[in-house]
Amino acid sequence: MRELERAGWSVQSLSQVGNGVPDLLVATPEGETFLIEVKAPGRKLSERQRRWQSQWKGRIETVHSLDELARIVGAQGATSIDYHCGESNRSPRGVAWDPMRQQQM
């Protein structure tokens, strides 16, 4: 999350909300907002998450790796993000990626 903030994004963790709500609310430097659901590699959305997302009218992205997040960020024009990923679609240091643990970002 700190890398996004350093690139000028606003980031708010929603992980404590629960009930299927995505993990992050983000806004680009230009003001576009969307939600990001973070899943560990190989994990899928729960039924509660699918239900919540089916009712939400705004943009939601689901990411399984830092590389996927970097792709979304890059598509939004923020190219200065560096997540220090060693291999494509791998989490840093070979551990499950948890964006709430900022030291891994």
Protein backbone atom coordinates (compact mmCIF):
# COMPACT_ATOMS: atom_id res chain seq x y z
CA MET A 1 0.00 0.00 0.00
CA ARG A 2 2.85 2.37 0.70
CA GLU A 3 4.07 2.02 -2.89
CA LEU A 4 0.66 3.09 -4.18
CA GLU A 5 0.64 6.05 -1.81
CA ARG A 6 4.15 7.06 -2.91
CA ALA A 7 2.88 7.08 -6.51
CA GLY A 8 0.18 9.57 -5.49
CA TRP A 9 -2.70 7.14 -4.98
CA SER A 10 -5.10 7.26 -2.04
CA VAL A 11 -5.48 3.89 -0.32
CA GLN A 12 -7.95 2.88 2.37
CA SER A 13 -8.01 -0.61 3.84
CA LEU A 14 -11.51 -2.08 4.09
CA SER A 15 -10.36 -5.52 5.21
CA GLN A 16 -11.98 -5.15 8.64
CA VAL A 17 -15.43 -4.49 7.14
CA GLY A 18 -15.97 -8.13 6.12
CA ASN A 19 -19.28 -9.41 4.71
CA GLY A 20 -17.77 -9.80 1.24
CA VAL A 21 -16.56 -6.19 0.92
CA PRO A 22 -13.26 -5.98 -1.03
CA ASP A 23 -10.01 -5.36 0.83
CA LEU A 24 -8.98 -1.95 -0.52
CA LEU A 25 -10.57 1.27 -1.70
CA VAL A 26 -8.12 3.11 -3.96
CA ALA A 27 -8.13 6.34 -5.93
CA THR A 28 -5.74 7.26 -8.72
CA PRO A 29 -3.99 10.62 -8.66
CA GLU A 30 -6.60 11.71 -11.23
CA GLY A 31 -9.44 10.81 -8.87
CA GLU A 32 -10.74 7.55 -10.39
CA THR A 33 -11.84 5.26 -7.56
CA PHE A 34 -12.25 1.51 -7.45
CA LEU A 35 -12.12 -1.44 -5.10
CA ILE A 36 -9.47 -4.15 -5.01
CA GLU A 37 -10.03 -7.66 -3.66
CA VAL A 38 -6.74 -9.32 -2.75
CA LYS A 39 -6.56 -13.10 -2.92
CA ALA A 40 -3.62 -15.36 -2.23
CA PRO A 41 -2.31 -17.15 -5.34
CA GLY A 42 -4.66 -19.97 -6.25
CA ARG A 43 -7.49 -18.75 -3.99
CA LYS A 44 -10.95 -17.89 -5.33
CA LEU A 45 -13.67 -15.51 -4.25
CA SER A 46 -16.00 -16.83 -1.57
CA GLU A 47 -19.72 -17.07 -2.22
CA ARG A 48 -20.25 -14.00 -0.01
CA GLN A 49 -17.67 -12.04 -2.01
CA ARG A 50 -19.22 -13.08 -5.35
CA ARG A 51 -22.66 -12.05 -4.10
CA TRP A 52 -21.41 -8.67 -2.86
CA GLN A 53 -19.55 -7.98 -6.09
CA SER A 54 -22.56 -8.92 -8.22
CA GLN A 55 -24.56 -6.14 -6.54
CA TRP A 56 -21.86 -3.46 -6.67
CA LYS A 57 -22.19 -0.98 -9.55
CA GLY A 58 -18.61 0.34 -9.47
CA ARG A 59 -15.30 -1.08 -10.61
CA ILE A 60 -13.75 -3.97 -8.68
CA GLU A 61 -10.44 -5.64 -9.48
CA THR A 62 -9.30 -8.96 -8.01
CA VAL A 63 -5.54 -9.51 -7.79
CA HIS A 64 -3.56 -12.61 -6.85
CA SER A 65 -0.03 -11.21 -6.98
CA LEU A 66 1.96 -8.02 -6.83
CA ASP A 67 2.47 -8.34 -10.59
CA GLU A 68 -1.29 -8.21 -11.16
CA LEU A 69 -1.56 -5.13 -8.98
CA ALA A 70 1.34 -3.52 -10.86
CA ARG A 71 -0.48 -4.24 -14.15
CA ILE A 72 -3.59 -2.46 -12.90
CA VAL A 73 -1.55 0.44 -11.60
CA GLY A 74 0.37 0.68 -14.86
CA ALA A 75 -2.88 0.68 -16.84
CA GLN A 76 -3.93 3.70 -14.80
CA GLY A 77 -0.80 5.61 -15.84
CA ALA A 78 1.23 5.28 -12.64
CA THR A 79 4.43 3.73 -13.91
CA SER A 80 6.65 4.46 -10.92
CA ILE A 81 5.49 1.46 -8.87
CA ASP A 82 8.26 -1.00 -8.00
CA TYR A 83 7.19 -3.97 -5.90
CA HIS A 84 10.53 -5.78 -5.95
CA CYS A 85 9.01 -9.03 -7.24
CA GLY A 86 11.63 -11.53 -8.23
CA GLU A 87 9.58 -13.64 -10.64
CA SER A 88 6.38 -13.01 -12.53
CA ASN A 89 3.20 -13.91 -10.61
CA ARG A 90 5.18 -14.71 -7.48
CA SER A 91 4.75 -13.11 -4.12
CA PRO A 92 7.79 -11.42 -2.57
CA ARG A 93 10.20 -13.70 -0.75
CA GLY A 94 8.11 -16.73 -1.73
CA VAL A 95 5.44 -16.16 0.94
CA ALA A 96 1.71 -15.65 0.57
CA TRP A 97 1.04 -12.05 -0.35
CA ASP A 98 -0.96 -10.10 2.20
CA PRO A 99 -1.24 -6.39 1.29
CA MET A 100 -2.37 -5.57 4.81
CA ARG A 101 1.14 -6.50 5.96
CA GLN A 102 2.81 -3.43 4.51
CA GLN A 103 6.34 -4.63 5.18
CA GLN A 104 5.95 -7.09 2.27
CA MET A 105 5.28 -4.24 -0.12
